[in-house]
Amino acid sequence: MKHNRFTVASGTFVSVAGLLYLIGYLFNIDILIFHQKYNETPTGFYSESRSLLPVIIGLGTGYVAEKVYLSKNVQYENKN
């Protein structure tokens, strides 16, 4: 059962985050497009990543999907 929980949660996370990034790129929605910037200066370098909103939404939906899966699984086991 633990393997199935992981599969449901990770599958939901990957599909939702991927779908949101795809929508961002297709319709040019800046908040849904991943941006990576790397700058090198004489004093050092810095890296910047923006728009992790699809990742956060994907984590949230993965958590909810896991909880729904567990509640449905417990209800099914109680019927048998």
N, C-alpha and C. Protein backbone atom coordinates (compact mmCIF):
# COMPACT_ATOMS: atom_id res chain seq x y z
N MET A 1 0.82 -1.19 0.00
CA MET A 1 0.00 0.00 0.00
C MET A 1 0.87 1.25 0.00
N LYS A 2 2.03 1.19 0.67
CA LYS A 2 2.88 2.37 0.71
C LYS A 2 3.41 2.70 -0.68
N HIS A 3 3.70 1.67 -1.48
CA HIS A 3 4.17 1.88 -2.85
C HIS A 3 3.09 2.56 -3.69
N ASN A 4 1.85 2.16 -3.52
CA ASN A 4 0.75 2.77 -4.27
C ASN A 4 0.53 4.22 -3.85
N ARG A 5 0.70 4.53 -2.57
CA ARG A 5 0.57 5.92 -2.10
C ARG A 5 1.60 6.80 -2.79
N PHE A 6 2.83 6.31 -2.86
CA PHE A 6 3.89 7.09 -3.50
C PHE A 6 3.60 7.27 -4.98
N THR A 7 3.13 6.23 -5.63
CA THR A 7 2.82 6.30 -7.06
C THR A 7 1.72 7.32 -7.34
N VAL A 8 0.68 7.30 -6.52
CA VAL A 8 -0.42 8.26 -6.71
C VAL A 8 0.05 9.68 -6.48
N ALA A 9 0.79 9.91 -5.40
CA ALA A 9 1.24 11.26 -5.07
C ALA A 9 2.24 11.79 -6.09
N SER A 10 3.23 10.98 -6.45
CA SER A 10 4.24 11.46 -7.39
C SER A 10 3.69 11.59 -8.80
N GLY A 11 2.81 10.69 -9.20
CA GLY A 11 2.20 10.80 -10.52
C GLY A 11 1.34 12.05 -10.65
N THR A 12 0.60 12.35 -9.61
CA THR A 12 -0.21 13.57 -9.61
C THR A 12 0.67 14.80 -9.64
N PHE A 13 1.75 14.81 -8.84
CA PHE A 13 2.67 15.95 -8.81
C PHE A 13 3.28 16.20 -10.19
N VAL A 14 3.81 15.16 -10.81
CA VAL A 14 4.48 15.32 -12.10
C VAL A 14 3.50 15.76 -13.18
N SER A 15 2.32 15.16 -13.20
CA SER A 15 1.37 15.50 -14.25
C SER A 15 0.82 16.92 -14.09
N VAL A 16 0.51 17.33 -12.87
CA VAL A 16 -0.04 18.68 -12.66
C VAL A 16 1.02 19.75 -12.91
N ALA A 17 2.23 19.56 -12.37
CA ALA A 17 3.29 20.55 -12.58
C ALA A 17 3.66 20.62 -14.07
N GLY A 18 3.77 19.48 -14.72
CA GLY A 18 4.08 19.48 -16.15
C GLY A 18 3.02 20.15 -16.98
N LEU A 19 1.76 19.88 -16.65
CA LEU A 19 0.66 20.51 -17.37
C LEU A 19 0.65 22.02 -17.18
N LEU A 20 0.90 22.48 -15.97
CA LEU A 20 0.93 23.93 -15.73
C LEU A 20 2.10 24.60 -16.46
N TYR A 21 3.28 23.97 -16.46
CA TYR A 21 4.41 24.53 -17.21
C TYR A 21 4.10 24.53 -18.71
N LEU A 22 3.46 23.49 -19.22
CA LEU A 22 3.09 23.45 -20.63
C LEU A 22 2.11 24.55 -20.98
N ILE A 23 1.12 24.76 -20.14
CA ILE A 23 0.15 25.84 -20.37
C ILE A 23 0.86 27.19 -20.35
N GLY A 24 1.80 27.36 -19.44
CA GLY A 24 2.56 28.62 -19.37
C GLY A 24 3.34 28.89 -20.64
N TYR A 25 3.99 27.84 -21.19
CA TYR A 25 4.76 28.04 -22.40
C TYR A 25 3.87 28.23 -23.63
N LEU A 26 2.77 27.49 -23.70
CA LEU A 26 1.89 27.59 -24.87
C LEU A 26 1.20 28.94 -24.95
N PHE A 27 0.73 29.44 -23.83
CA PHE A 27 -0.04 30.69 -23.83
C PHE A 27 0.75 31.88 -23.31
N ASN A 28 2.06 31.68 -23.12
CA ASN A 28 2.97 32.75 -22.71
C ASN A 28 2.51 33.44 -21.42
N ILE A 29 2.19 32.64 -20.42
CA ILE A 29 1.80 33.14 -19.10
C ILE A 29 3.06 33.17 -18.24
N ASP A 30 3.52 34.36 -17.92
CA ASP A 30 4.81 34.54 -17.28
C ASP A 30 4.91 33.84 -15.92
N ILE A 31 3.83 33.82 -15.18
CA ILE A 31 3.86 33.24 -13.84
C ILE A 31 3.97 31.71 -13.89
N LEU A 32 3.69 31.10 -15.03
CA LEU A 32 3.76 29.64 -15.17
C LEU A 32 4.96 29.18 -15.99
N ILE A 33 5.85 30.09 -16.39
CA ILE A 33 7.02 29.73 -17.18
C ILE A 33 8.23 29.71 -16.26
N PHE A 34 9.01 28.63 -16.32
CA PHE A 34 10.21 28.52 -15.49
C PHE A 34 11.32 29.37 -16.10
N HIS A 35 11.93 30.22 -15.28
CA HIS A 35 13.03 31.07 -15.72
C HIS A 35 14.27 30.75 -14.88
N GLN A 36 15.37 30.51 -15.55
CA GLN A 36 16.65 30.28 -14.88
C GLN A 36 17.62 31.31 -15.40
N LYS A 37 18.25 32.07 -14.49
CA LYS A 37 19.19 33.10 -14.90
C LYS A 37 20.50 32.88 -14.15
N TYR A 38 21.60 32.92 -14.87
CA TYR A 38 22.92 32.77 -14.29
C TYR A 38 23.77 33.94 -14.75
N ASN A 39 24.30 34.71 -13.80
CA ASN A 39 25.15 35.86 -14.13
C ASN A 39 26.48 35.71 -13.43
N GLU A 40 27.54 35.97 -14.18
CA GLU A 40 28.88 35.94 -13.62
C GLU A 40 29.43 37.35 -13.62
N THR A 41 29.90 37.81 -12.49
CA THR A 41 30.45 39.15 -12.33
C THR A 41 31.89 39.03 -11.85
N PRO A 42 32.64 40.13 -11.88
CA PRO A 42 34.03 40.06 -11.39
C PRO A 42 34.12 39.68 -9.90
N THR A 43 33.08 39.96 -9.14
CA THR A 43 33.12 39.65 -7.71
C THR A 43 32.54 38.28 -7.39
N GLY A 44 31.98 37.59 -8.37
CA GLY A 44 31.39 36.27 -8.13
C GLY A 44 30.30 35.98 -9.14
N PHE A 45 29.37 35.16 -8.74
CA PHE A 45 28.26 34.82 -9.62
C PHE A 45 26.99 34.69 -8.78
N TYR A 46 25.87 34.76 -9.46
CA TYR A 46 24.61 34.47 -8.80
C TYR A 46 23.67 33.80 -9.79
N SER A 47 22.82 32.98 -9.21
CA SER A 47 21.84 32.24 -10.00
C SER A 47 20.46 32.56 -9.46
N GLU A 48 19.51 32.66 -10.36
CA GLU A 48 18.15 33.01 -9.97
C GLU A 48 17.17 32.10 -10.70
N SER A 49 16.25 31.54 -9.95
CA SER A 49 15.18 30.73 -10.53
C SER A 49 13.85 31.37 -10.15
N ARG A 50 12.96 31.50 -11.11
CA ARG A 50 11.66 32.09 -10.85
C ARG A 50 10.55 31.17 -11.29
N SER A 51 9.39 31.46 -10.80
CA SER A 51 8.14 30.79 -11.11
C SER A 51 8.16 29.32 -10.73
N LEU A 52 8.21 29.09 -9.46
CA LEU A 52 8.07 27.74 -8.93
C LEU A 52 6.63 27.47 -8.50
N LEU A 53 5.72 28.33 -8.92
CA LEU A 53 4.31 28.17 -8.58
C LEU A 53 3.74 26.83 -9.05
N PRO A 54 4.02 26.37 -10.27
CA PRO A 54 3.50 25.05 -10.66
C PRO A 54 4.02 23.91 -9.78
N VAL A 55 5.23 24.03 -9.29
CA VAL A 55 5.77 23.01 -8.39
C VAL A 55 5.01 23.01 -7.08
N ILE A 56 4.73 24.17 -6.54
CA ILE A 56 4.00 24.29 -5.28
C ILE A 56 2.57 23.76 -5.45
N ILE A 57 1.93 24.11 -6.55
CA ILE A 57 0.58 23.62 -6.81
C ILE A 57 0.60 22.10 -7.00
N GLY A 58 1.61 21.59 -7.69
CA GLY A 58 1.75 20.16 -7.89
C GLY A 58 1.95 19.41 -6.59
N LEU A 59 2.75 19.96 -5.69
CA LEU A 59 2.93 19.34 -4.37
C LEU A 59 1.62 19.30 -3.60
N GLY A 60 0.88 20.38 -3.65
CA GLY A 60 -0.41 20.43 -2.95
C GLY A 60 -1.40 19.43 -3.50
N THR A 61 -1.49 19.33 -4.81
CA THR A 61 -2.44 18.37 -5.40
C THR A 61 -1.99 16.93 -5.17
N GLY A 62 -0.68 16.70 -5.13
CA GLY A 62 -0.18 15.37 -4.81
C GLY A 62 -0.54 14.96 -3.40
N TYR A 63 -0.43 15.90 -2.47
CA TYR A 63 -0.80 15.64 -1.08
C TYR A 63 -2.30 15.32 -0.96
N VAL A 64 -3.12 16.13 -1.62
CA VAL A 64 -4.57 15.91 -1.58
C VAL A 64 -4.93 14.58 -2.24
N ALA A 65 -4.30 14.26 -3.36
CA ALA A 65 -4.59 13.00 -4.05
C ALA A 65 -4.22 11.80 -3.18
N GLU A 66 -3.11 11.91 -2.46
CA GLU A 66 -2.71 10.83 -1.56
C GLU A 66 -3.73 10.65 -0.44
N LYS A 67 -4.20 11.73 0.14
CA LYS A 67 -5.19 11.65 1.21
C LYS A 67 -6.51 11.07 0.70
N VAL A 68 -6.94 11.45 -0.48
CA VAL A 68 -8.16 10.90 -1.07
C VAL A 68 -7.98 9.41 -1.34
N TYR A 69 -6.82 9.03 -1.87
CA TYR A 69 -6.54 7.62 -2.14
C TYR A 69 -6.59 6.81 -0.84
N LEU A 70 -5.99 7.34 0.23
CA LEU A 70 -6.00 6.63 1.50
C LEU A 70 -7.41 6.48 2.06
N SER A 71 -8.21 7.55 1.98
CA SER A 71 -9.57 7.46 2.52
C SER A 71 -10.41 6.48 1.71
N LYS A 72 -10.25 6.46 0.39
CA LYS A 72 -10.99 5.51 -0.44
C LYS A 72 -10.53 4.07 -0.16
N ASN A 73 -9.23 3.90 0.06
CA ASN A 73 -8.69 2.58 0.33
C ASN A 73 -9.17 2.06 1.68
N VAL A 74 -9.25 2.91 2.69
CA VAL A 74 -9.74 2.51 4.01
C VAL A 74 -11.22 2.16 3.91
N GLN A 75 -11.99 2.94 3.17
CA GLN A 75 -13.42 2.63 3.00
C GLN A 75 -13.60 1.29 2.30
N TYR A 76 -12.76 1.01 1.31
CA TYR A 76 -12.86 -0.26 0.58
C TYR A 76 -12.50 -1.43 1.49
N GLU A 77 -11.44 -1.25 2.31
CA GLU A 77 -11.03 -2.33 3.21
C GLU A 77 -12.07 -2.58 4.30
N ASN A 78 -12.77 -1.54 4.74
CA ASN A 78 -13.80 -1.71 5.77
C ASN A 78 -15.02 -2.44 5.22
N LYS A 79 -15.29 -2.34 3.93
CA LYS A 79 -16.42 -3.04 3.33
C LYS A 79 -16.18 -4.54 3.24
N ASN A 80 -14.92 -4.92 3.09
CA ASN A 80 -14.59 -6.35 2.96
C ASN A 80 -14.41 -7.02 4.28
